[in-house]
Amino acid sequence: MKIFLWAECQKLRRLSLLLLTIFAVCGIAFMVFIGGKSTDYGPPYLEEAGWYMTMTQPWATLLVLPAVIALLGSYMICREAEDDTLKSLLLVPVSETRLTAAKMLLTFVFSILLYLLLFAITFLGEAILHIHALSTNMVLHFLKSYFLEGICVFLAVSPIIALVAYWKKSYWLALVLAEIYSFAGLFTSMSNTLRTFYPVSAALGIAGYYETTGLARIQSSLVLLACGGISVLILRKLKHGRDE
């Protein structure tokens, strides 16, 4: 597994798509910052300590990051087939199961790293604006929240990554599907019931963006674990389909 992970990391170092994901993180952080500086009623939102870290997280989750995470993951899985290198890899021989698992594990790690990058950007903004108003407990709370969000969003979009690979479609389809999927979270988050069971809004609940009950957190966790399980089942079929 270590060899597969090392090989995939070497490929990603030369991947322009990785720069796109970093640009997307910086872009959403910039847009929320600009939005917080302008308001028609009262003082700018950014004058409130913690507002920037609070609001960047849901907007990134509902509009940007699930799509780029799904794009990155589906690209890594679909690339071998689209570039016609999979046949050569299987002659080595290479365990296709372990290869796919390595790609998904790397996507999982990058999901967390992207959210931690977003946290670092927003924390820097908060430190510049409100260094004396930030407490250790507040910073640790947001660090934990962003970390959990990275885990949960990966689980939420993992079925999309698996489906695109199973359908053997262009990996850009994952971007479109995940964008629609995450944008729908804007509407499901308005209902206490729907936001508990809809994977994207459930991720926000587990991460602590909005208050929820212990039972709702358990239900949301089960939904996200089910998403991960579904993706595993789909990827196993993907392997069998190729073997045939």
Protein backbone atom coordinates (compact mmCIF):
# COMPACT_ATOMS: atom_id res chain seq x y z
CA MET A 1 0.00 0.00 0.00
CA LYS A 2 2.87 2.38 0.81
CA ILE A 3 4.25 1.93 -2.72
CA PHE A 4 0.86 2.72 -4.28
CA LEU A 5 0.46 5.82 -2.13
CA TRP A 6 3.98 6.99 -2.96
CA ALA A 7 3.38 6.50 -6.69
CA GLU A 8 0.09 8.41 -6.60
CA CYS A 9 1.69 11.27 -4.67
CA GLN A 10 4.41 11.52 -7.29
CA LYS A 11 1.77 11.75 -10.02
CA LEU A 12 -0.15 14.44 -8.13
CA ARG A 13 2.95 16.59 -7.79
CA ARG A 14 2.82 17.13 -11.56
CA LEU A 15 -0.96 17.52 -11.70
CA SER A 16 -2.40 20.91 -12.64
CA LEU A 17 -5.74 19.78 -11.20
CA LEU A 18 -4.19 19.98 -7.75
CA LEU A 19 -3.52 23.68 -8.33
CA LEU A 20 -7.18 24.08 -9.30
CA THR A 21 -8.31 22.65 -5.95
CA ILE A 22 -6.00 24.99 -4.02
CA PHE A 23 -7.25 27.91 -6.11
CA ALA A 24 -10.85 26.90 -5.31
CA VAL A 25 -10.10 26.94 -1.56
CA CYS A 26 -8.46 30.37 -1.76
CA GLY A 27 -11.25 31.64 -4.01
CA ILE A 28 -14.13 30.77 -1.68
CA ALA A 29 -12.21 32.20 1.30
CA PHE A 30 -11.70 35.44 -0.63
CA MET A 31 -15.35 35.69 -1.67
CA VAL A 32 -16.62 35.22 1.89
CA PHE A 33 -14.11 37.82 3.10
CA ILE A 34 -15.31 40.35 0.52
CA GLY A 35 -18.94 39.59 1.40
CA GLY A 36 -18.23 40.16 5.08
CA LYS A 37 -16.79 43.60 4.43
CA SER A 38 -19.90 44.96 2.75
CA THR A 39 -23.30 45.27 4.39
CA ASP A 40 -26.13 47.75 4.00
CA TYR A 41 -27.29 47.45 7.58
CA GLY A 42 -25.03 48.05 10.54
CA PRO A 43 -21.29 47.41 10.77
CA PRO A 44 -19.52 44.88 8.50
CA TYR A 45 -19.87 41.25 9.58
CA LEU A 46 -16.10 40.88 9.72
CA GLU A 47 -16.00 43.14 12.76
CA GLU A 48 -17.40 40.23 14.77
CA ALA A 49 -14.67 37.84 15.95
CA GLY A 50 -15.22 34.32 14.65
CA TRP A 51 -17.64 35.32 11.88
CA TYR A 52 -15.14 34.64 9.10
CA MET A 53 -14.27 31.13 10.29
CA THR A 54 -17.94 30.40 10.94
CA MET A 55 -19.35 31.44 7.58
CA THR A 56 -16.56 30.23 5.29
CA GLN A 57 -17.09 26.62 6.31
CA PRO A 58 -20.73 26.19 5.16
CA TRP A 59 -20.29 28.20 1.95
CA ALA A 60 -17.23 26.14 1.02
CA THR A 61 -19.13 22.92 1.75
CA LEU A 62 -22.33 23.88 -0.03
CA LEU A 63 -20.75 25.47 -3.10
CA VAL A 64 -17.17 24.43 -3.79
CA LEU A 65 -15.21 21.77 -1.94
CA PRO A 66 -17.38 18.65 -2.45
CA ALA A 67 -17.17 19.24 -6.20
CA VAL A 68 -13.39 19.64 -6.32
CA ILE A 69 -12.85 16.67 -3.97
CA ALA A 70 -15.08 14.49 -6.16
CA LEU A 71 -13.25 15.73 -9.26
CA LEU A 72 -9.86 14.95 -7.78
CA GLY A 73 -10.88 11.48 -6.59
CA SER A 74 -12.62 10.44 -9.81
CA TYR A 75 -9.71 11.76 -11.86
CA MET A 76 -7.22 9.60 -9.98
CA ILE A 77 -9.38 6.50 -10.50
CA CYS A 78 -10.49 7.17 -14.08
CA ARG A 79 -7.12 8.41 -15.31
CA GLU A 80 -5.61 4.96 -15.75
CA ALA A 81 -8.49 3.84 -17.98
CA GLU A 82 -8.70 7.10 -19.96
CA ASP A 83 -4.94 7.22 -20.55
CA ASP A 84 -4.99 3.49 -21.42
CA THR A 85 -2.30 2.73 -18.84
CA LEU A 86 -4.39 0.31 -16.77
CA LYS A 87 -3.62 -2.64 -19.06
CA SER A 88 0.09 -2.03 -18.68
CA LEU A 89 -0.23 -1.77 -14.91
CA LEU A 90 -2.10 -5.07 -14.72
CA LEU A 91 0.74 -6.81 -16.58
CA VAL A 92 3.20 -5.94 -13.78
CA PRO A 93 1.05 -7.38 -12.03
CA VAL A 94 -0.65 -4.80 -9.84
CA SER A 95 -3.50 -5.46 -7.45
CA GLU A 96 -6.33 -3.36 -8.83
CA THR A 97 -8.13 -3.51 -5.50
CA ARG A 98 -5.14 -2.09 -3.62
CA LEU A 99 -4.53 0.48 -6.35
CA THR A 100 -8.10 1.77 -6.11
CA ALA A 101 -7.96 1.71 -2.31
CA ALA A 102 -4.79 3.80 -2.40
CA LYS A 103 -6.44 6.37 -4.67
CA MET A 104 -9.47 6.63 -2.38
CA LEU A 105 -7.28 6.88 0.71
CA LEU A 106 -5.28 9.67 -0.91
CA THR A 107 -8.50 11.48 -1.81
CA PHE A 108 -9.58 11.13 1.83
CA VAL A 109 -6.31 12.68 3.01
CA PHE A 110 -6.58 15.53 0.51
CA SER A 111 -10.14 16.23 1.61
CA ILE A 112 -8.90 16.76 5.16
CA LEU A 113 -5.90 18.81 3.98
CA LEU A 114 -8.08 21.10 1.87
CA TYR A 115 -10.31 21.86 4.84
CA LEU A 116 -7.28 22.43 7.04
CA LEU A 117 -5.93 24.81 4.41
CA LEU A 118 -9.25 26.63 4.48
CA PHE A 119 -9.03 26.79 8.26
CA ALA A 120 -5.49 28.20 8.06
CA ILE A 121 -6.61 30.93 5.66
CA THR A 122 -9.62 31.94 7.74
CA PHE A 123 -7.65 31.77 10.98
CA LEU A 124 -5.02 34.08 9.48
CA GLY A 125 -7.78 36.51 8.51
CA GLU A 126 -9.28 36.37 11.99
CA ALA A 127 -5.85 36.84 13.59
CA ILE A 128 -5.20 39.95 11.53
CA LEU A 129 -8.61 41.42 12.35
CA HIS A 130 -9.23 40.20 15.90
CA ILE A 131 -6.03 38.82 17.38
CA HIS A 132 -6.95 39.94 20.91
CA ALA A 133 -10.51 38.57 20.70
CA LEU A 134 -9.51 35.03 19.75
CA SER A 135 -9.30 32.48 22.53
CA THR A 136 -7.56 29.12 22.50
CA ASN A 137 -10.86 27.32 22.96
CA MET A 138 -12.39 29.13 19.98
CA VAL A 139 -9.48 28.31 17.70
CA LEU A 140 -9.42 24.65 18.75
CA HIS A 141 -13.19 24.42 18.26
CA PHE A 142 -12.91 25.62 14.67
CA LEU A 143 -9.87 23.42 13.99
CA LYS A 144 -11.85 20.39 15.14
CA SER A 145 -14.87 21.49 13.12
CA TYR A 146 -12.92 21.91 9.88
CA PHE A 147 -11.10 18.60 10.42
CA LEU A 148 -14.38 16.73 10.92
CA GLU A 149 -15.84 18.47 7.89
CA GLY A 150 -13.00 17.17 5.73
CA ILE A 151 -13.73 13.60 6.83
CA CYS A 152 -17.50 13.90 6.45
CA VAL A 153 -17.45 15.58 3.04
CA PHE A 154 -15.23 12.82 1.65
CA LEU A 155 -17.72 10.21 2.86
CA ALA A 156 -20.60 12.22 1.41
CA VAL A 157 -19.11 12.45 -2.10
CA SER A 158 -17.47 9.01 -2.18
CA PRO A 159 -20.48 7.38 -3.93
CA ILE A 160 -20.21 9.97 -6.72
CA ILE A 161 -16.52 9.19 -7.18
CA ALA A 162 -17.30 5.47 -7.31
CA LEU A 163 -20.27 5.87 -9.69
CA VAL A 164 -18.32 7.94 -12.21
CA ALA A 165 -15.56 5.33 -12.18
CA TYR A 166 -18.12 2.52 -12.57
CA TRP A 167 -19.87 4.26 -15.46
CA LYS A 168 -16.44 4.88 -17.04
CA LYS A 169 -17.45 8.44 -17.81
CA SER A 170 -15.31 11.56 -17.91
CA TYR A 171 -14.13 12.58 -14.46
CA TRP A 172 -15.56 16.06 -15.10
CA LEU A 173 -18.99 14.47 -14.65
CA ALA A 174 -18.10 14.05 -10.98
CA LEU A 175 -17.62 17.81 -10.71
CA VAL A 176 -21.08 18.49 -12.15
CA LEU A 177 -22.87 15.84 -10.07
CA ALA A 178 -21.14 16.82 -6.84
CA GLU A 179 -21.88 20.50 -7.42
CA ILE A 180 -25.60 19.79 -7.84
CA TYR A 181 -25.47 17.40 -4.90
CA SER A 182 -23.82 19.90 -2.55
CA PHE A 183 -25.89 22.88 -3.71
CA ALA A 184 -29.05 20.96 -2.78
CA GLY A 185 -27.75 21.09 0.78
CA LEU A 186 -28.75 24.77 0.86
CA PHE A 187 -32.37 23.67 0.82
CA THR A 188 -32.15 20.52 2.95
CA SER A 189 -30.40 22.47 5.72
CA MET A 190 -33.59 24.49 6.20
CA SER A 191 -35.37 21.42 7.59
CA ASN A 192 -34.25 19.77 10.82
CA THR A 193 -35.19 16.35 9.49
CA LEU A 194 -33.70 16.68 6.02
CA ARG A 195 -30.43 18.17 7.20
CA THR A 196 -29.97 15.20 9.50
CA PHE A 197 -30.29 12.64 6.71
CA TYR A 198 -29.00 14.50 3.65
CA PRO A 199 -25.25 13.69 3.54
CA VAL A 200 -23.89 17.17 2.77
CA SER A 201 -25.91 19.01 5.41
CA ALA A 202 -25.37 16.07 7.79
CA ALA A 203 -21.63 16.75 7.48
CA LEU A 204 -22.17 20.30 8.71
CA GLY A 205 -24.15 19.02 11.67
CA ILE A 206 -21.50 16.53 12.73
CA ALA A 207 -18.79 19.17 12.33
CA GLY A 208 -20.74 21.41 14.71
CA TYR A 209 -21.74 24.22 12.37
CA TYR A 210 -25.29 24.18 13.70
CA GLU A 211 -26.69 22.88 16.96
CA THR A 212 -28.19 19.42 16.85
CA THR A 213 -29.11 16.62 19.23
CA GLY A 214 -27.00 13.60 20.09
CA LEU A 215 -29.49 11.32 18.34
CA ALA A 216 -29.35 13.45 15.19
CA ARG A 217 -25.54 13.26 15.21
CA ILE A 218 -25.70 9.47 15.42
CA GLN A 219 -28.23 9.33 12.58
CA SER A 220 -26.09 11.66 10.45
CA SER A 221 -23.01 9.56 11.17
CA LEU A 222 -24.82 6.41 10.06
CA VAL A 223 -25.88 8.14 6.84
CA LEU A 224 -22.30 9.12 6.04
CA LEU A 225 -20.97 5.68 6.91
CA ALA A 226 -23.62 4.25 4.59
CA CYS A 227 -22.29 6.53 1.83
CA GLY A 228 -18.82 5.13 2.40
CA GLY A 229 -20.17 1.59 2.35
CA ILE A 230 -22.05 2.21 -0.90
CA SER A 231 -18.88 3.52 -2.54
CA VAL A 232 -16.98 0.38 -1.47
CA LEU A 233 -19.66 -1.86 -2.99
CA ILE A 234 -19.63 0.11 -6.25
CA LEU A 235 -15.83 0.02 -6.51
CA ARG A 236 -15.83 -3.73 -5.91
CA LYS A 237 -18.23 -4.11 -8.85
CA LEU A 238 -15.91 -1.90 -10.87
CA LYS A 239 -13.11 -4.39 -10.31
CA HIS A 240 -15.27 -7.38 -11.19
CA GLY A 241 -16.52 -5.66 -14.33
CA ARG A 242 -12.97 -5.14 -15.53
CA ASP A 243 -11.99 -8.70 -14.69
CA GLU A 244 -14.74 -9.95 -16.96
